[in-house]
PDB file of N, CA and C in Angstrom:
ATOM      1  N   MET A   1     105.170  96.997  96.144  1.00  0.00           N
ATOM      2  CA  MET A   1     104.515  97.368  94.905  1.00  0.00           C
ATOM      3  C   MET A   1     104.367  98.887  94.874  1.00  0.00           C
ATOM      4  N   VAL A   2     104.628  99.470  93.713  1.00  0.00           N
ATOM      5  CA  VAL A   2     104.477 100.913  93.524  1.00  0.00           C
ATOM      6  C   VAL A   2     103.449 101.151  92.426  1.00  0.00           C
ATOM      7  N   GLU A   3     102.572 102.115  92.658  1.00  0.00           N
ATOM      8  CA  GLU A   3     101.608 102.537  91.638  1.00  0.00           C
ATOM      9  C   GLU A   3     101.830 104.030  91.420  1.00  0.00           C
ATOM     10  N   VAL A   4     101.803 104.444  90.149  1.00  0.00           N
ATOM     11  CA  VAL A   4     102.035 105.840  89.788  1.00  0.00           C
ATOM     12  C   VAL A   4     100.782 106.362  89.088  1.00  0.00           C
ATOM     13  N   PHE A   5     100.344 107.553  89.520  1.00  0.00           N
ATOM     14  CA  PHE A   5      99.113 108.139  89.012  1.00  0.00           C
ATOM     15  C   PHE A   5      99.393 109.516  88.418  1.00  0.00           C
ATOM     16  N   LYS A   6      98.682 109.832  87.361  1.00  0.00           N
ATOM     17  CA  LYS A   6      98.632 111.191  86.818  1.00  0.00           C
ATOM     18  C   LYS A   6      97.455 111.872  87.509  1.00  0.00           C
ATOM     19  N   THR A   7      97.674 113.095  88.030  1.00  0.00           N
ATOM     20  CA  THR A   7      96.602 113.786  88.741  1.00  0.00           C
ATOM     21  C   THR A   7      96.470 115.222  88.235  1.00  0.00           C
ATOM     22  N   ASP A   8      95.483 115.913  88.771  1.00  0.00           N
ATOM     23  CA  ASP A   8      95.334 117.344  88.473  1.00  0.00           C
ATOM     24  C   ASP A   8      95.503 118.194  89.738  1.00  0.00           C
ATOM     25  N   VAL A   9      96.188 117.638  90.730  1.00  0.00           N
ATOM     26  CA  VAL A   9      96.481 118.367  91.969  1.00  0.00           C
ATOM     27  C   VAL A   9      97.519 119.439  91.648  1.00  0.00           C
ATOM     28  N   GLN A  10      97.265 120.675  92.074  1.00  0.00           N
ATOM     29  CA  GLN A  10      98.139 121.787  91.708  1.00  0.00           C
ATOM     30  C   GLN A  10      98.964 122.337  92.870  1.00  0.00           C
ATOM     31  N   GLU A  11      98.425 122.309  94.065  1.00  0.00           N
ATOM     32  CA  GLU A  11      99.058 122.998  95.190  1.00  0.00           C
ATOM     33  C   GLU A  11      99.574 122.019  96.237  1.00  0.00           C
ATOM     34  N   ARG A  12     100.677 122.383  96.874  1.00  0.00           N
ATOM     35  CA  ARG A  12     101.282 121.551  97.913  1.00  0.00           C
ATOM     36  C   ARG A  12     100.304 121.326  99.070  1.00  0.00           C
ATOM     37  N   ARG A  13      99.518 122.336  99.425  1.00  0.00           N
ATOM     38  CA  ARG A  13      98.536 122.205 100.497  1.00  0.00           C
ATOM     39  C   ARG A  13      97.531 121.101 100.172  1.00  0.00           C
ATOM     40  N   GLN A  14      97.060 121.066  98.929  1.00  0.00           N
ATOM     41  CA  GLN A  14      96.121 120.029  98.499  1.00  0.00           C
ATOM     42  C   GLN A  14      96.787 118.653  98.563  1.00  0.00           C
ATOM     43  N   ALA A  15      98.011 118.588  98.077  1.00  0.00           N
ATOM     44  CA  ALA A  15      98.747 117.319  98.069  1.00  0.00           C
ATOM     45  C   ALA A  15      98.940 116.799  99.484  1.00  0.00           C
ATOM     46  N   ASN A  16      99.318 117.674 100.408  1.00  0.00           N
ATOM     47  CA  ASN A  16      99.531 117.248 101.788  1.00  0.00           C
ATOM     48  C   ASN A  16      98.247 116.722 102.427  1.00  0.00           C
ATOM     49  N   ARG A  17      97.123 117.362 102.117  1.00  0.00           N
ATOM     50  CA  ARG A  17      95.834 116.901 102.647  1.00  0.00           C
ATOM     51  C   ARG A  17      95.504 115.506 102.116  1.00  0.00           C
ATOM     52  N   LEU A  18      95.745 115.294 100.822  1.00  0.00           N
ATOM     53  CA  LEU A  18      95.471 113.991 100.212  1.00  0.00           C
ATOM     54  C   LEU A  18      96.403 112.913 100.750  1.00  0.00           C
ATOM     55  N   ILE A  19      97.662 113.265 100.948  1.00  0.00           N
ATOM     56  CA  ILE A  19      98.614 112.309 101.530  1.00  0.00           C
ATOM     57  C   ILE A  19      98.116 111.869 102.904  1.00  0.00           C
ATOM     58  N   GLY A  20      97.644 112.831 103.701  1.00  0.00           N
ATOM     59  CA  GLY A  20      97.111 112.505 105.024  1.00  0.00           C
ATOM     60  C   GLY A  20      95.914 111.577 104.948  1.00  0.00           C
ATOM     61  N   GLN A  21      95.013 111.829 104.002  1.00  0.00           N
ATOM     62  CA  GLN A  21      93.824 110.975 103.858  1.00  0.00           C
ATOM     63  C   GLN A  21      94.223 109.551 103.476  1.00  0.00           C
ATOM     64  N   ILE A  22      95.151 109.431 102.533  1.00  0.00           N
ATOM     65  CA  ILE A  22      95.585 108.099 102.094  1.00  0.00           C
ATOM     66  C   ILE A  22      96.289 107.379 103.235  1.00  0.00           C
ATOM     67  N   ASN A  23      97.162 108.092 103.954  1.00  0.00           N
ATOM     68  CA  ASN A  23      97.901 107.461 105.062  1.00  0.00           C
ATOM     69  C   ASN A  23      96.996 107.048 106.214  1.00  0.00           C
ATOM     70  N   ARG A  24      95.882 107.766 106.430  1.00  0.00           N
ATOM     71  CA  ARG A  24      94.948 107.364 107.491  1.00  0.00           C
ATOM     72  C   ARG A  24      94.292 106.019 107.166  1.00  0.00           C
ATOM     73  N   LEU A  25      94.021 105.785 105.893  1.00  0.00           N
ATOM     74  CA  LEU A  25      93.402 104.517 105.491  1.00  0.00           C
ATOM     75  C   LEU A  25      94.413 103.390 105.316  1.00  0.00           C
ATOM     76  N   PHE A  26      95.614 103.759 104.874  1.00  0.00           N
ATOM     77  CA  PHE A  26      96.633 102.759 104.559  1.00  0.00           C
ATOM     78  C   PHE A  26      97.944 103.144 105.243  1.00  0.00           C
ATOM     79  N   SER A  27      98.124 102.693 106.457  1.00  0.00           N
ATOM     80  CA  SER A  27      99.323 103.076 107.205  1.00  0.00           C
ATOM     81  C   SER A  27     100.594 102.449 106.641  1.00  0.00           C
ATOM     82  N   ASP A  28     100.454 101.411 105.803  1.00  0.00           N
ATOM     83  CA  ASP A  28     101.635 100.766 105.220  1.00  0.00           C
ATOM     84  C   ASP A  28     102.029 101.372 103.865  1.00  0.00           C
ATOM     85  N   TYR A  29     101.351 102.450 103.444  1.00  0.00           N
ATOM     86  CA  TYR A  29     101.683 103.102 102.178  1.00  0.00           C
ATOM     87  C   TYR A  29     102.659 104.247 102.416  1.00  0.00           C
ATOM     88  N   THR A  30     103.593 104.402 101.486  1.00  0.00           N
ATOM     89  CA  THR A  30     104.429 105.588 101.410  1.00  0.00           C
ATOM     90  C   THR A  30     103.891 106.386 100.227  1.00  0.00           C
ATOM     91  N   VAL A  31     103.521 107.646 100.460  1.00  0.00           N
ATOM     92  CA  VAL A  31     102.809 108.449  99.471  1.00  0.00           C
ATOM     93  C   VAL A  31     103.583 109.739  99.214  1.00  0.00           C
ATOM     94  N   SER A  32     103.726 110.100  97.938  1.00  0.00           N
ATOM     95  CA  SER A  32     104.373 111.373  97.615  1.00  0.00           C
ATOM     96  C   SER A  32     103.805 111.921  96.306  1.00  0.00           C
ATOM     97  N   PHE A  33     103.875 113.236  96.185  1.00  0.00           N
ATOM     98  CA  PHE A  33     103.489 113.929  94.964  1.00  0.00           C
ATOM     99  C   PHE A  33     104.717 114.570  94.348  1.00  0.00           C
ATOM    100  N   ASP A  34     104.743 114.624  93.026  1.00  0.00           N
ATOM    101  CA  ASP A  34     105.727 115.419  92.288  1.00  0.00           C
ATOM    102  C   ASP A  34     104.940 116.456  91.503  1.00  0.00           C
ATOM    103  N   LEU A  35     104.714 117.611  92.120  1.00  0.00           N
ATOM    104  CA  LEU A  35     103.905 118.654  91.488  1.00  0.00           C
ATOM    105  C   LEU A  35     104.682 119.433  90.437  1.00  0.00           C
ATOM    106  N   GLU A  36     105.985 119.231  90.373  1.00  0.00           N
ATOM    107  CA  GLU A  36     106.800 119.878  89.343  1.00  0.00           C
ATOM    108  C   GLU A  36     106.656 119.157  87.999  1.00  0.00           C
ATOM    109  N   ASP A  37     106.299 117.892  88.037  1.00  0.00           N
ATOM    110  CA  ASP A  37     106.096 117.111  86.824  1.00  0.00           C
ATOM    111  C   ASP A  37     104.836 117.589  86.119  1.00  0.00           C
ATOM    112  N   CYS A  38     104.841 117.576  84.801  1.00  0.00           N
ATOM    113  CA  CYS A  38     103.680 118.048  84.039  1.00  0.00           C
ATOM    114  C   CYS A  38     102.432 117.206  84.308  1.00  0.00           C
ATOM    115  N   ASP A  39     102.609 115.960  84.752  1.00  0.00           N
ATOM    116  CA  ASP A  39     101.481 115.081  85.046  1.00  0.00           C
ATOM    117  C   ASP A  39     101.078 115.109  86.518  1.00  0.00           C
ATOM    118  N   LYS A  40     101.715 115.970  87.316  1.00  0.00           N
ATOM    119  CA  LYS A  40     101.384 116.093  88.753  1.00  0.00           C
ATOM    120  C   LYS A  40     101.319 114.712  89.392  1.00  0.00           C
ATOM    121  N   ILE A  41     102.443 114.026  89.333  1.00  0.00           N
ATOM    122  CA  ILE A  41     102.544 112.615  89.682  1.00  0.00           C
ATOM    123  C   ILE A  41     102.266 112.348  91.161  1.00  0.00           C
ATOM    124  N   LEU A  42     101.482 111.318  91.402  1.00  0.00           N
ATOM    125  CA  LEU A  42     101.270 110.761  92.732  1.00  0.00           C
ATOM    126  C   LEU A  42     101.875 109.357  92.725  1.00  0.00           C
ATOM    127  N   ARG A  43     102.816 109.118  93.641  1.00  0.00           N
ATOM    128  CA  ARG A  43     103.419 107.792  93.780  1.00  0.00           C
ATOM    129  C   ARG A  43     102.950 107.186  95.097  1.00  0.00           C
ATOM    130  N   VAL A  44     102.503 105.946  95.002  1.00  0.00           N
ATOM    131  CA  VAL A  44     102.040 105.240  96.194  1.00  0.00           C
ATOM    132  C   VAL A  44     102.749 103.894  96.226  1.00  0.00           C
ATOM    133  N   GLN A  45     103.443 103.639  97.328  1.00  0.00           N
ATOM    134  CA  GLN A  45     104.142 102.372  97.499  1.00  0.00           C
ATOM    135  C   GLN A  45     103.587 101.657  98.713  1.00  0.00           C
ATOM    136  N   SER A  46     103.288 100.385  98.535  1.00  0.00           N
ATOM    137  CA  SER A  46     102.834  99.555  99.641  1.00  0.00           C
ATOM    138  C   SER A  46     104.014  98.725 100.146  1.00  0.00           C
ATOM    139  N   LYS A  47     104.218  98.746 101.444  1.00  0.00           N
ATOM    140  CA  LYS A  47     105.307  97.968 102.044  1.00  0.00           C
ATOM    141  C   LYS A  47     104.920  96.505 102.222  1.00  0.00           C
ATOM    142  N   THR A  48     103.620  96.213 102.134  1.00  0.00           N
ATOM    143  CA  THR A  48     103.162  94.857 102.441  1.00  0.00           C
ATOM    144  C   THR A  48     102.478  94.137 101.288  1.00  0.00           C
ATOM    145  N   GLY A  49     102.257  94.792 100.166  1.00  0.00           N
ATOM    146  CA  GLY A  49     101.574  94.118  99.066  1.00  0.00           C
ATOM    147  C   GLY A  49     101.168  95.082  97.978  1.00  0.00           C
ATOM    148  N   LEU A  50     100.023  94.815  97.393  1.00  0.00           N
ATOM    149  CA  LEU A  50      99.522  95.618  96.287  1.00  0.00           C
ATOM    150  C   LEU A  50      98.926  96.929  96.774  1.00  0.00           C
ATOM    151  N   VAL A  51      98.959  97.932  95.895  1.00  0.00           N
ATOM    152  CA  VAL A  51      98.307  99.214  96.152  1.00  0.00           C
ATOM    153  C   VAL A  51      96.858  99.100  95.675  1.00  0.00           C
ATOM    154  N   ASP A  52      95.927  99.531  96.486  1.00  0.00           N
ATOM    155  CA  ASP A  52      94.510  99.541  96.106  1.00  0.00           C
ATOM    156  C   ASP A  52      94.265 100.784  95.252  1.00  0.00           C
ATOM    157  N   ALA A  53      94.581 100.680  93.963  1.00  0.00           N
ATOM    158  CA  ALA A  53      94.527 101.821  93.051  1.00  0.00           C
ATOM    159  C   ALA A  53      93.120 102.403  92.940  1.00  0.00           C
ATOM    160  N   GLU A  54      92.121 101.558  92.922  1.00  0.00           N
ATOM    161  CA  GLU A  54      90.740 102.044  92.806  1.00  0.00           C
ATOM    162  C   GLU A  54      90.363 102.919  93.993  1.00  0.00           C
ATOM    163  N   LEU A  55      90.766 102.516  95.178  1.00  0.00           N
ATOM    164  CA  LEU A  55      90.443 103.309  96.365  1.00  0.00           C
ATOM    165  C   LEU A  55      91.255 104.610  96.400  1.00  0.00           C
ATOM    166  N   VAL A  56      92.498 104.567  95.976  1.00  0.00           N
ATOM    167  CA  VAL A  56      93.308 105.790  95.909  1.00  0.00           C
ATOM    168  C   VAL A  56      92.651 106.779  94.943  1.00  0.00           C
ATOM    169  N   ILE A  57      92.224 106.309  93.779  1.00  0.00           N
ATOM    170  CA  ILE A  57      91.546 107.166  92.803  1.00  0.00           C
ATOM    171  C   ILE A  57      90.254 107.713  93.399  1.00  0.00           C
ATOM    172  N   ALA A  58      89.506 106.882  94.118  1.00  0.00           N
ATOM    173  CA  ALA A  58      88.251 107.327  94.737  1.00  0.00           C
ATOM    174  C   ALA A  58      88.503 108.410  95.779  1.00  0.00           C
ATOM    175  N   ILE A  59      89.576 108.295  96.551  1.00  0.00           N
ATOM    176  CA  ILE A  59      89.913 109.319  97.549  1.00  0.00           C
ATOM    177  C   ILE A  59      90.148 110.655  96.854  1.00  0.00           C
ATOM    178  N   LEU A  60      90.906 110.649  95.766  1.00  0.00           N
ATOM    179  CA  LEU A  60      91.152 111.894  95.044  1.00  0.00           C
ATOM    180  C   LEU A  60      89.857 112.431  94.444  1.00  0.00           C
ATOM    181  N   GLU A  61      89.054 111.568  93.842  1.00  0.00           N
ATOM    182  CA  GLU A  61      87.798 112.009  93.231  1.00  0.00           C
ATOM    183  C   GLU A  61      86.836 112.579  94.270  1.00  0.00           C
ATOM    184  N   ASP A  62      86.784 111.957  95.452  1.00  0.00           N
ATOM    185  CA  ASP A  62      85.918 112.461  96.525  1.00  0.00           C
ATOM    186  C   ASP A  62      86.349 113.855  96.975  1.00  0.00           C
ATOM    187  N   SER A  63      87.616 114.182  96.763  1.00  0.00           N
ATOM    188  CA  SER A  63      88.146 115.501  97.127  1.00  0.00           C
ATOM    189  C   SER A  63      88.113 116.477  95.960  1.00  0.00           C
ATOM    190  N   GLY A  64      87.535 116.052  94.833  1.00  0.00           N
ATOM    191  CA  GLY A  64      87.378 116.955  93.688  1.00  0.00           C
ATOM    192  C   GLY A  64      88.507 116.925  92.679  1.00  0.00           C
ATOM    193  N   PHE A  65      89.355 115.896  92.737  1.00  0.00           N
ATOM    194  CA  PHE A  65      90.480 115.794  91.816  1.00  0.00           C
ATOM    195  C   PHE A  65      90.315 114.576  90.916  1.00  0.00           C
ATOM    196  N   THR A  66      91.115 114.524  89.877  1.00  0.00           N
ATOM    197  CA  THR A  66      91.128 113.350  89.013  1.00  0.00           C
ATOM    198  C   THR A  66      92.472 112.649  89.162  1.00  0.00           C
ATOM    199  N   ALA A  67      92.447 111.360  88.925  1.00  0.00           N
ATOM    200  CA  ALA A  67      93.667 110.555  88.960  1.00  0.00           C
ATOM    201  C   ALA A  67      93.478 109.381  88.026  1.00  0.00           C
ATOM    202  N   GLU A  68      94.555 109.027  87.353  1.00  0.00           N
ATOM    203  CA  GLU A  68      94.537 107.835  86.517  1.00  0.00           C
ATOM    204  C   GLU A  68      95.879 107.145  86.624  1.00  0.00           C
ATOM    205  N   ILE A  69      95.839 105.844  86.552  1.00  0.00           N
ATOM    206  CA  ILE A  69      97.070 105.057  86.642  1.00  0.00           C
ATOM    207  C   ILE A  69      97.905 105.292  85.390  1.00  0.00           C
ATOM    208  N   LEU A  70      99.181 105.559  85.601  1.00  0.00           N
ATOM    209  CA  LEU A  70     100.106 105.646  84.479  1.00  0.00           C
ATOM    210  C   LEU A  70     100.668 104.262  84.224  1.00  0.00           C
ATOM    211  N   PRO A  71     100.711 103.844  82.979  1.00  0.00           N
ATOM    212  CA  PRO A  71     101.265 102.520  82.691  1.00  0.00           C
ATOM    213  C   PRO A  71     102.746 102.486  83.046  1.00  0.00           C
ATOM    214  N   ASP A  72     103.208 101.336  83.508  1.00  0.00           N
ATOM    215  CA  ASP A  72     104.614 101.223  83.870  1.00  0.00           C
ATOM    216  C   ASP A  72     105.480 100.759  82.713  1.00  0.00           C
ATOM    217  N   ASP A  73     104.890 100.567  81.569  1.00  0.00           N
ATOM    218  CA  ASP A  73     105.643 100.143  80.391  1.00  0.00           C
ATOM    219  C   ASP A  73     106.051 101.354  79.577  1.00  0.00           C
ATOM    220  N   ALA A  74     107.325 101.488  79.320  1.00  0.00           N
ATOM    221  CA  ALA A  74     107.806 102.534  78.430  1.00  0.00           C
ATOM    222  C   ALA A  74     107.585 102.072  76.995  1.00  0.00           C
ATOM    223  N   PRO A  75     107.286 102.999  76.078  1.00  0.00           N
ATOM    224  CA  PRO A  75     107.145 102.597  74.678  1.00  0.00           C
ATOM    225  C   PRO A  75     108.412 101.906  74.190  1.00  0.00           C
ATOM    226  N   ILE A  76     108.244 100.902  73.399  1.00  0.00           N
ATOM    227  CA  ILE A  76     109.380 100.144  72.893  1.00  0.00           C
ATOM    228  C   ILE A  76     110.306 101.071  72.120  1.00  0.00           C
ATOM    229  N   GLY A  77     111.576 100.980  72.436  1.00  0.00           N
ATOM    230  CA  GLY A  77     112.575 101.776  71.729  1.00  0.00           C
ATOM    231  C   GLY A  77     112.848 103.123  72.366  1.00  0.00           C
ATOM    232  N   LEU A  78     111.925 103.634  73.175  1.00  0.00           N
ATOM    233  CA  LEU A  78     112.120 104.960  73.736  1.00  0.00           C
ATOM    234  C   LEU A  78     113.134 104.950  74.871  1.00  0.00           C
ATOM    235  N   PHE A  79     113.016 103.993  75.779  1.00  0.00           N
ATOM    236  CA  PHE A  79     113.913 103.941  76.918  1.00  0.00           C
ATOM    237  C   PHE A  79     114.680 102.627  76.995  1.00  0.00           C
ATOM    238  N   THR A  80     114.595 101.827  75.979  1.00  0.00           N
ATOM    239  CA  THR A  80     115.268 100.541  76.032  1.00  0.00           C
ATOM    240  C   THR A  80     116.558 100.611  75.235  1.00  0.00           C
ATOM    241  N   LEU A  81     117.539  99.912  75.715  1.00  0.00           N
ATOM    242  CA  LEU A  81     118.812  99.818  75.013  1.00  0.00           C
ATOM    243  C   LEU A  81     118.918  98.432  74.410  1.00  0.00           C
ATOM    244  N   PRO A  82     119.566  98.332  73.286  1.00  0.00           N
ATOM    245  CA  PRO A  82     119.722  96.982  72.710  1.00  0.00           C
ATOM    246  C   PRO A  82     120.599  96.120  73.610  1.00  0.00           C
ATOM    247  N   LEU A  83     120.304  94.869  73.630  1.00  0.00           N
ATOM    248  CA  LEU A  83     121.092  93.921  74.412  1.00  0.00           C
ATOM    249  C   LEU A  83     122.359  93.618  73.644  1.00  0.00           C
ATOM    250  N   LEU A  84     123.490  93.871  74.266  1.00  0.00           N
ATOM    251  CA  LEU A  84     124.773  93.621  73.623  1.00  0.00           C
ATOM    252  C   LEU A  84     125.423  92.403  74.255  1.00  0.00           C
ATOM    253  N   ALA A  85     125.930  91.550  73.439  1.00  0.00           N
ATOM    254  CA  ALA A  85     126.620  90.380  73.940  1.00  0.00           C
ATOM    255  C   ALA A  85     128.035  90.776  74.330  1.00  0.00           C
ATOM    256  N   PHE A  86     128.508  90.265  75.448  1.00  0.00           N
ATOM    257  CA  PHE A  86     129.862  90.558  75.892  1.00  0.00           C
ATOM    258  C   PHE A  86     130.709  89.336  75.636  1.00  0.00           C
ATOM    259  N   THR A  87     131.783  89.538  74.919  1.00  0.00           N
ATOM    260  CA  THR A  87     132.709  88.448  74.691  1.00  0.00           C
ATOM    261  C   THR A  87     134.083  88.870  75.200  1.00  0.00           C
ATOM    262  N   PRO A  88     134.628  88.165  76.164  1.00  0.00           N
ATOM    263  CA  PRO A  88     135.934  88.535  76.703  1.00  0.00           C
ATOM    264  C   PRO A  88     137.023  88.337  75.666  1.00  0.00           C
ATOM    265  N   ASN A  89     138.059  89.153  75.734  1.00  0.00           N
ATOM    266  CA  ASN A  89     139.188  89.046  74.778  1.00  0.00           C
ATOM    267  C   ASN A  89     140.119  87.947  75.166  1.00  0.00           C
TER     268      ASN A  89
END
């Protein structure tokens, strides 16, 4: 399971500290930041099940940052292609 968060983390040093905190609590999580993205994305993947999103958000908040879950649904029509039927000749 992967959970994606919008954050206000700005610096790589801050991101690395937060990654360490999350990994200490959840050794089965793979954690990364994309600070180049306008939403300062935090991606958390659990190798064994669900991501505890509430606790991840609490870790960031305890460190003075904000985080919110980004929905995994793209707006209809924005990233979807119409389904085309294939008929062999």
